[in-house]
Structures are given as structure tokens and as C-alpha cells.
All heavy atoms as atom14 arrays in JSON, in Angstrom:
{
  "sequence": "YSLTATQLTEHLVKKFSAIIELQSYLVKETLDEAI",
  "atom14_mask": [
    [1, 1, 1, 1, 1, 1, 1, 1, 1, 1, 1, 1, 0, 0],
    [1, 1, 1, 1, 1, 1, 0, 0, 0, 0, 0, 0, 0, 0],
    [1, 1, 1, 1, 1, 1, 1, 1, 0, 0, 0, 0, 0, 0],
    [1, 1, 1, 1, 1, 1, 1, 0, 0, 0, 0, 0, 0, 0],
    [1, 1, 1, 1, 1, 0, 0, 0, 0, 0, 0, 0, 0, 0],
    [1, 1, 1, 1, 1, 1, 1, 0, 0, 0, 0, 0, 0, 0],
    [1, 1, 1, 1, 1, 1, 1, 1, 1, 0, 0, 0, 0, 0],
    [1, 1, 1, 1, 1, 1, 1, 1, 0, 0, 0, 0, 0, 0],
    [1, 1, 1, 1, 1, 1, 1, 0, 0, 0, 0, 0, 0, 0],
    [1, 1, 1, 1, 1, 1, 1, 1, 1, 0, 0, 0, 0, 0],
    [1, 1, 1, 1, 1, 1, 1, 1, 1, 1, 0, 0, 0, 0],
    [1, 1, 1, 1, 1, 1, 1, 1, 0, 0, 0, 0, 0, 0],
    [1, 1, 1, 1, 1, 1, 1, 0, 0, 0, 0, 0, 0, 0],
    [1, 1, 1, 1, 1, 1, 1, 1, 1, 0, 0, 0, 0, 0],
    [1, 1, 1, 1, 1, 1, 1, 1, 1, 0, 0, 0, 0, 0],
    [1, 1, 1, 1, 1, 1, 1, 1, 1, 1, 1, 0, 0, 0],
    [1, 1, 1, 1, 1, 1, 0, 0, 0, 0, 0, 0, 0, 0],
    [1, 1, 1, 1, 1, 0, 0, 0, 0, 0, 0, 0, 0, 0],
    [1, 1, 1, 1, 1, 1, 1, 1, 0, 0, 0, 0, 0, 0],
    [1, 1, 1, 1, 1, 1, 1, 1, 0, 0, 0, 0, 0, 0],
    [1, 1, 1, 1, 1, 1, 1, 1, 1, 0, 0, 0, 0, 0],
    [1, 1, 1, 1, 1, 1, 1, 1, 0, 0, 0, 0, 0, 0],
    [1, 1, 1, 1, 1, 1, 1, 1, 1, 0, 0, 0, 0, 0],
    [1, 1, 1, 1, 1, 1, 0, 0, 0, 0, 0, 0, 0, 0],
    [1, 1, 1, 1, 1, 1, 1, 1, 1, 1, 1, 1, 0, 0],
    [1, 1, 1, 1, 1, 1, 1, 1, 0, 0, 0, 0, 0, 0],
    [1, 1, 1, 1, 1, 1, 1, 0, 0, 0, 0, 0, 0, 0],
    [1, 1, 1, 1, 1, 1, 1, 1, 1, 0, 0, 0, 0, 0],
    [1, 1, 1, 1, 1, 1, 1, 1, 1, 0, 0, 0, 0, 0],
    [1, 1, 1, 1, 1, 1, 1, 0, 0, 0, 0, 0, 0, 0],
    [1, 1, 1, 1, 1, 1, 1, 1, 0, 0, 0, 0, 0, 0],
    [1, 1, 1, 1, 1, 1, 1, 1, 0, 0, 0, 0, 0, 0],
    [1, 1, 1, 1, 1, 1, 1, 1, 1, 0, 0, 0, 0, 0],
    [1, 1, 1, 1, 1, 0, 0, 0, 0, 0, 0, 0, 0, 0],
    [1, 1, 1, 1, 1, 1, 1, 1, 0, 0, 0, 0, 0, 0]
  ],
  "atom14_positions": [
    [[-28.61, 3.69, -15.04], [-29.28, 4.7, -14.2], [-28.67, 4.71, -12.81], [-28.36, 3.66, -12.24], [-30.78, 4.39, -14.11], [-31.5, 4.55, -15.44], [-32.03, 3.45, -16.1], [-31.63, 5.8, -16.03], [-32.69, 3.58, -17.31], [-32.29, 5.94, -17.24], [-32.82, 4.84, -17.88], [-33.45, 4.99, -19.07], [0.0, 0.0, 0.0], [0.0, 0.0, 0.0]],
    [[-28.55, 5.93, -12.28], [-27.94, 6.09, -10.95], [-28.93, 5.78, -9.83], [-28.53, 5.65, -8.67], [-27.41, 7.52, -10.79], [-28.46, 8.47, -11.02], [0.0, 0.0, 0.0], [0.0, 0.0, 0.0], [0.0, 0.0, 0.0], [0.0, 0.0, 0.0], [0.0, 0.0, 0.0], [0.0, 0.0, 0.0], [0.0, 0.0, 0.0], [0.0, 0.0, 0.0]],
    [[-30.21, 5.67, -10.16], [-31.24, 5.37, -9.17], [-32.15, 4.26, -9.68], [-32.36, 4.13, -10.89], [-32.09, 6.61, -8.87], [-31.4, 7.81, -8.21], [-32.38, 8.99, -8.14], [-30.91, 7.45, -6.81], [0.0, 0.0, 0.0], [0.0, 0.0, 0.0], [0.0, 0.0, 0.0], [0.0, 0.0, 0.0], [0.0, 0.0, 0.0], [0.0, 0.0, 0.0]],
    [[-32.69, 3.48, -8.75], [-33.74, 2.53, -9.11], [-35.07, 3.27, -9.13], [-35.18, 4.42, -8.69], [-33.81, 1.38, -8.1], [-34.22, 1.91, -6.82], [-32.46, 0.68, -7.97], [0.0, 0.0, 0.0], [0.0, 0.0, 0.0], [0.0, 0.0, 0.0], [0.0, 0.0, 0.0], [0.0, 0.0, 0.0], [0.0, 0.0, 0.0], [0.0, 0.0, 0.0]],
    [[-36.11, 2.59, -9.64], [-37.44, 3.23, -9.71], [-37.95, 3.55, -8.31], [-38.54, 4.62, -8.07], [-38.41, 2.3, -10.44], [0.0, 0.0, 0.0], [0.0, 0.0, 0.0], [0.0, 0.0, 0.0], [0.0, 0.0, 0.0], [0.0, 0.0, 0.0], [0.0, 0.0, 0.0], [0.0, 0.0, 0.0], [0.0, 0.0, 0.0], [0.0, 0.0, 0.0]],
    [[-37.73, 2.62, -7.37], [-38.17, 2.84, -6.0], [-37.43, 4.01, -5.37], [-38.02, 4.86, -4.68], [-37.97, 1.57, -5.15], [-38.7, 0.5, -5.74], [-38.47, 1.79, -3.73], [0.0, 0.0, 0.0], [0.0, 0.0, 0.0], [0.0, 0.0, 0.0], [0.0, 0.0, 0.0], [0.0, 0.0, 0.0], [0.0, 0.0, 0.0], [0.0, 0.0, 0.0]],
    [[-36.1, 4.08, -5.6], [-35.31, 5.19, -5.06], [-35.76, 6.53, -5.64], [-35.83, 7.54, -4.92], [-33.82, 4.95, -5.35], [-33.21, 3.81, -4.54], [-31.8, 3.48, -4.98], [-31.39, 3.78, -6.12], [-31.02, 2.88, -4.08], [0.0, 0.0, 0.0], [0.0, 0.0, 0.0], [0.0, 0.0, 0.0], [0.0, 0.0, 0.0], [0.0, 0.0, 0.0]],
    [[-36.06, 6.54, -6.93], [-36.52, 7.77, -7.56], [-37.83, 8.24, -6.92], [-37.99, 9.43, -6.61], [-36.73, 7.54, -9.06], [-37.37, 8.72, -9.83], [-36.48, 9.97, -9.75], [-37.61, 8.33, -11.29], [0.0, 0.0, 0.0], [0.0, 0.0, 0.0], [0.0, 0.0, 0.0], [0.0, 0.0, 0.0], [0.0, 0.0, 0.0], [0.0, 0.0, 0.0]],
    [[-38.74, 7.3, -6.71], [-40.03, 7.65, -6.08], [-39.81, 8.22, -4.69], [-40.4, 9.25, -4.32], [-40.93, 6.41, -6.0], [-41.15, 5.9, -7.31], [-42.27, 6.76, -5.36], [0.0, 0.0, 0.0], [0.0, 0.0, 0.0], [0.0, 0.0, 0.0], [0.0, 0.0, 0.0], [0.0, 0.0, 0.0], [0.0, 0.0, 0.0], [0.0, 0.0, 0.0]],
    [[-38.99, 7.57, -3.9], [-38.76, 8.02, -2.53], [-38.08, 9.39, -2.5], [-38.42, 10.25, -1.66], [-37.9, 6.99, -1.79], [-38.65, 5.69, -1.52], [-37.77, 4.63, -0.88], [-36.53, 4.83, -0.88], [-38.3, 3.61, -0.41], [0.0, 0.0, 0.0], [0.0, 0.0, 0.0], [0.0, 0.0, 0.0], [0.0, 0.0, 0.0], [0.0, 0.0, 0.0]],
    [[-37.11, 9.62, -3.42], [-36.44, 10.91, -3.47], [-37.42, 12.04, -3.8], [-37.42, 13.1, -3.15], [-35.31, 10.88, -4.5], [-34.03, 10.36, -3.96], [-33.8, 9.03, -3.7], [-32.86, 11.01, -3.61], [-32.59, 8.84, -3.23], [-31.99, 10.03, -3.16], [0.0, 0.0, 0.0], [0.0, 0.0, 0.0], [0.0, 0.0, 0.0], [0.0, 0.0, 0.0]],
    [[-38.28, 11.82, -4.8], [-39.19, 12.88, -5.24], [-40.34, 13.1, -4.26], [-40.84, 14.21, -4.14], [-39.74, 12.54, -6.63], [-38.72, 12.73, -7.76], [-39.38, 12.44, -9.11], [-38.15, 14.14, -7.77], [0.0, 0.0, 0.0], [0.0, 0.0, 0.0], [0.0, 0.0, 0.0], [0.0, 0.0, 0.0], [0.0, 0.0, 0.0], [0.0, 0.0, 0.0]],
    [[-40.76, 12.05, -3.56], [-41.82, 12.23, -2.56], [-41.37, 13.23, -1.51], [-42.15, 14.08, -1.06], [-42.19, 10.88, -1.91], [-43.0, 11.1, -0.64], [-42.99, 10.02, -2.89], [0.0, 0.0, 0.0], [0.0, 0.0, 0.0], [0.0, 0.0, 0.0], [0.0, 0.0, 0.0], [0.0, 0.0, 0.0], [0.0, 0.0, 0.0], [0.0, 0.0, 0.0]],
    [[-40.09, 13.18, -1.14], [-39.55, 14.14, -0.17], [-39.55, 15.55, -0.75], [-39.81, 16.53, -0.06], [-38.14, 13.74, 0.24], [-38.06, 12.41, 0.98], [-36.62, 12.04, 1.29], [-36.54, 10.69, 1.98], [-35.13, 10.29, 2.24], [0.0, 0.0, 0.0], [0.0, 0.0, 0.0], [0.0, 0.0, 0.0], [0.0, 0.0, 0.0], [0.0, 0.0, 0.0]],
    [[-39.25, 15.64, -2.06], [-39.21, 16.96, -2.7], [-40.62, 17.56, -2.81], [-40.78, 18.78, -2.8], [-38.6, 16.85, -4.11], [-37.22, 16.22, -4.15], [-36.2, 17.01, -3.35], [-34.81, 16.38, -3.45], [-33.83, 17.07, -2.58], [0.0, 0.0, 0.0], [0.0, 0.0, 0.0], [0.0, 0.0, 0.0], [0.0, 0.0, 0.0], [0.0, 0.0, 0.0]],
    [[-41.62, 16.68, -2.94], [-42.99, 17.16, -3.11], [-43.57, 17.75, -1.82], [-44.58, 18.45, -1.86], [-43.91, 16.03, -3.58], [-43.53, 15.46, -4.92], [-43.94, 14.2, -5.28], [-42.76, 16.2, -5.81], [-43.59, 13.67, -6.51], [-42.4, 15.68, -7.03], [-42.82, 14.41, -7.39], [0.0, 0.0, 0.0], [0.0, 0.0, 0.0], [0.0, 0.0, 0.0]],
    [[-42.97, 17.43, -0.68], [-43.54, 17.87, 0.59], [-43.65, 19.4, 0.66], [-44.59, 19.95, 1.25], [-42.69, 17.36, 1.75], [-41.36, 17.87, 1.66], [0.0, 0.0, 0.0], [0.0, 0.0, 0.0], [0.0, 0.0, 0.0], [0.0, 0.0, 0.0], [0.0, 0.0, 0.0], [0.0, 0.0, 0.0], [0.0, 0.0, 0.0], [0.0, 0.0, 0.0]],
    [[-42.69, 20.1, 0.02], [-42.72, 21.57, 0.04], [-43.96, 22.09, -0.7], [-44.59, 23.07, -0.28], [-41.46, 22.13, -0.58], [0.0, 0.0, 0.0], [0.0, 0.0, 0.0], [0.0, 0.0, 0.0], [0.0, 0.0, 0.0], [0.0, 0.0, 0.0], [0.0, 0.0, 0.0], [0.0, 0.0, 0.0], [0.0, 0.0, 0.0], [0.0, 0.0, 0.0]],
    [[-44.32, 21.42, -1.81], [-45.5, 21.83, -2.57], [-46.76, 21.59, -1.74], [-47.67, 22.43, -1.7], [-45.58, 21.06, -3.91], [-44.32, 21.31, -4.74], [-46.82, 21.46, -4.69], [-44.27, 20.53, -6.03], [0.0, 0.0, 0.0], [0.0, 0.0, 0.0], [0.0, 0.0, 0.0], [0.0, 0.0, 0.0], [0.0, 0.0, 0.0], [0.0, 0.0, 0.0]],
    [[-46.81, 20.43, -1.07], [-47.97, 20.11, -0.23], [-48.09, 21.13, 0.9], [-49.19, 21.62, 1.21], [-47.85, 18.7, 0.35], [-47.8, 17.66, -0.78], [-49.0, 18.4, 1.3], [-49.05, 17.62, -1.61], [0.0, 0.0, 0.0], [0.0, 0.0, 0.0], [0.0, 0.0, 0.0], [0.0, 0.0, 0.0], [0.0, 0.0, 0.0], [0.0, 0.0, 0.0]],
    [[-46.96, 21.5, 1.5], [-46.98, 22.48, 2.58], [-47.43, 23.86, 2.08], [-48.18, 24.57, 2.76], [-45.6, 22.58, 3.22], [-45.21, 21.36, 4.03], [-43.8, 21.44, 4.56], [-43.18, 22.52, 4.39], [-43.31, 20.46, 5.14], [0.0, 0.0, 0.0], [0.0, 0.0, 0.0], [0.0, 0.0, 0.0], [0.0, 0.0, 0.0], [0.0, 0.0, 0.0]],
    [[-47.0, 24.23, 0.87], [-47.42, 25.51, 0.3], [-48.93, 25.51, 0.03], [-49.62, 26.48, 0.33], [-46.66, 25.78, -1.01], [-47.05, 27.07, -1.75], [-46.76, 28.29, -0.88], [-46.3, 27.17, -3.08], [0.0, 0.0, 0.0], [0.0, 0.0, 0.0], [0.0, 0.0, 0.0], [0.0, 0.0, 0.0], [0.0, 0.0, 0.0], [0.0, 0.0, 0.0]],
    [[-49.4, 24.4, -0.5], [-50.84, 24.31, -0.76], [-51.63, 24.35, 0.56], [-52.65, 25.04, 0.65], [-51.16, 23.03, -1.52], [-52.64, 22.93, -1.92], [-52.94, 21.65, -2.65], [-52.28, 20.63, -2.45], [-53.94, 21.67, -3.51], [0.0, 0.0, 0.0], [0.0, 0.0, 0.0], [0.0, 0.0, 0.0], [0.0, 0.0, 0.0], [0.0, 0.0, 0.0]],
    [[-51.16, 23.63, 1.57], [-51.83, 23.63, 2.86], [-51.85, 25.03, 3.46], [-52.85, 25.45, 4.07], [-51.13, 22.66, 3.83], [-51.17, 21.34, 3.32], [0.0, 0.0, 0.0], [0.0, 0.0, 0.0], [0.0, 0.0, 0.0], [0.0, 0.0, 0.0], [0.0, 0.0, 0.0], [0.0, 0.0, 0.0], [0.0, 0.0, 0.0], [0.0, 0.0, 0.0]],
    [[-50.73, 25.76, 3.26], [-50.67, 27.13, 3.77], [-51.7, 28.01, 3.08], [-52.43, 28.78, 3.74], [-49.27, 27.7, 3.54], [-49.18, 29.18, 3.77], [-49.1, 29.72, 5.05], [-49.2, 30.07, 2.68], [-49.04, 31.09, 5.25], [-49.15, 31.44, 2.88], [-49.06, 31.94, 4.17], [-49.01, 33.29, 4.36], [0.0, 0.0, 0.0], [0.0, 0.0, 0.0]],
    [[-51.8, 27.9, 1.76], [-52.76, 28.73, 1.01], [-54.2, 28.39, 1.41], [-55.04, 29.27, 1.55], [-52.57, 28.52, -0.49], [-51.28, 29.11, -1.09], [-51.13, 28.7, -2.54], [-51.28, 30.63, -0.97], [0.0, 0.0, 0.0], [0.0, 0.0, 0.0], [0.0, 0.0, 0.0], [0.0, 0.0, 0.0], [0.0, 0.0, 0.0], [0.0, 0.0, 0.0]],
    [[-54.46, 27.09, 1.58], [-55.8, 26.67, 1.99], [-56.13, 27.22, 3.37], [-57.23, 27.75, 3.61], [-55.92, 25.12, 1.97], [-57.22, 24.69, 2.63], [-55.85, 24.6, 0.55], [0.0, 0.0, 0.0], [0.0, 0.0, 0.0], [0.0, 0.0, 0.0], [0.0, 0.0, 0.0], [0.0, 0.0, 0.0], [0.0, 0.0, 0.0], [0.0, 0.0, 0.0]],
    [[-55.16, 27.11, 4.29], [-55.38, 27.6, 5.66], [-55.61, 29.12, 5.66], [-56.51, 29.62, 6.35], [-54.19, 27.24, 6.54], [-54.34, 27.71, 8.0], [-53.12, 27.31, 8.81], [-53.26, 27.78, 10.26], [-53.4, 29.26, 10.36], [0.0, 0.0, 0.0], [0.0, 0.0, 0.0], [0.0, 0.0, 0.0], [0.0, 0.0, 0.0], [0.0, 0.0, 0.0]],
    [[-54.76, 29.85, 4.92], [-54.91, 31.3, 4.87], [-56.26, 31.71, 4.28], [-56.93, 32.61, 4.78], [-53.78, 31.91, 4.02], [-52.44, 31.94, 4.71], [-52.43, 32.89, 5.89], [-52.67, 34.09, 5.71], [-52.18, 32.41, 7.01], [0.0, 0.0, 0.0], [0.0, 0.0, 0.0], [0.0, 0.0, 0.0], [0.0, 0.0, 0.0], [0.0, 0.0, 0.0]],
    [[-56.65, 31.01, 3.22], [-57.94, 31.31, 2.59], [-59.09, 30.99, 3.52], [-60.06, 31.76, 3.64], [-58.09, 30.51, 1.28], [-56.96, 30.75, 0.44], [-59.35, 30.91, 0.53], [0.0, 0.0, 0.0], [0.0, 0.0, 0.0], [0.0, 0.0, 0.0], [0.0, 0.0, 0.0], [0.0, 0.0, 0.0], [0.0, 0.0, 0.0], [0.0, 0.0, 0.0]],
    [[-59.0, 29.86, 4.21], [-60.04, 29.46, 5.14], [-60.12, 30.43, 6.32], [-61.22, 30.83, 6.73], [-59.78, 28.03, 5.64], [-60.89, 27.35, 6.45], [-62.16, 27.24, 5.62], [-60.44, 25.97, 6.91], [0.0, 0.0, 0.0], [0.0, 0.0, 0.0], [0.0, 0.0, 0.0], [0.0, 0.0, 0.0], [0.0, 0.0, 0.0], [0.0, 0.0, 0.0]],
    [[-58.96, 30.82, 6.84], [-58.94, 31.77, 7.96], [-59.54, 33.12, 7.54], [-60.28, 33.75, 8.31], [-57.5, 31.98, 8.46], [-56.97, 30.76, 9.18], [-57.78, 29.87, 9.53], [-55.74, 30.68, 9.39], [0.0, 0.0, 0.0], [0.0, 0.0, 0.0], [0.0, 0.0, 0.0], [0.0, 0.0, 0.0], [0.0, 0.0, 0.0], [0.0, 0.0, 0.0]],
    [[-59.22, 33.55, 6.32], [-59.77, 34.82, 5.84], [-61.28, 34.73, 5.68], [-62.02, 35.67, 6.01], [-59.12, 35.18, 4.5], [-59.65, 36.45, 3.84], [-59.39, 37.7, 4.67], [-58.51, 37.67, 5.56], [-60.06, 38.72, 4.41], [0.0, 0.0, 0.0], [0.0, 0.0, 0.0], [0.0, 0.0, 0.0], [0.0, 0.0, 0.0], [0.0, 0.0, 0.0]],
    [[-61.77, 33.58, 5.17], [-63.22, 33.4, 5.01], [-63.91, 33.38, 6.37], [-65.0, 33.95, 6.54], [-63.5, 32.11, 4.25], [0.0, 0.0, 0.0], [0.0, 0.0, 0.0], [0.0, 0.0, 0.0], [0.0, 0.0, 0.0], [0.0, 0.0, 0.0], [0.0, 0.0, 0.0], [0.0, 0.0, 0.0], [0.0, 0.0, 0.0], [0.0, 0.0, 0.0]],
    [[-63.27, 32.73, 7.36], [-63.84, 32.69, 8.71], [-63.87, 34.1, 9.31], [-64.85, 34.49, 9.96], [-63.02, 31.73, 9.61], [-63.21, 30.28, 9.13], [-63.44, 31.86, 11.06], [-62.32, 29.28, 9.83], [0.0, 0.0, 0.0], [0.0, 0.0, 0.0], [0.0, 0.0, 0.0], [0.0, 0.0, 0.0], [0.0, 0.0, 0.0], [0.0, 0.0, 0.0]]
  ]
}
């Protein structure tokens, strides 16, 4: 394997940040619209 388990986790955690930001954006937009 070209990566260790720890390296794989760290690499993907960085990739997941975009999903978290998208979800935060949707939550914020929905909350702002409700307000």
C-alpha cells in the first residue's frame, strides 16, 4: 500500500472538509430563510 492507515485517514479528513462546508452552507441558508 502506498499509504498507511493513519495517512489515509488524514488525507480523507481534508477531503471531507468540502462536504462539511457545503452542509454548513445549506444549514445557514435554511436558517437565514426561516429567520
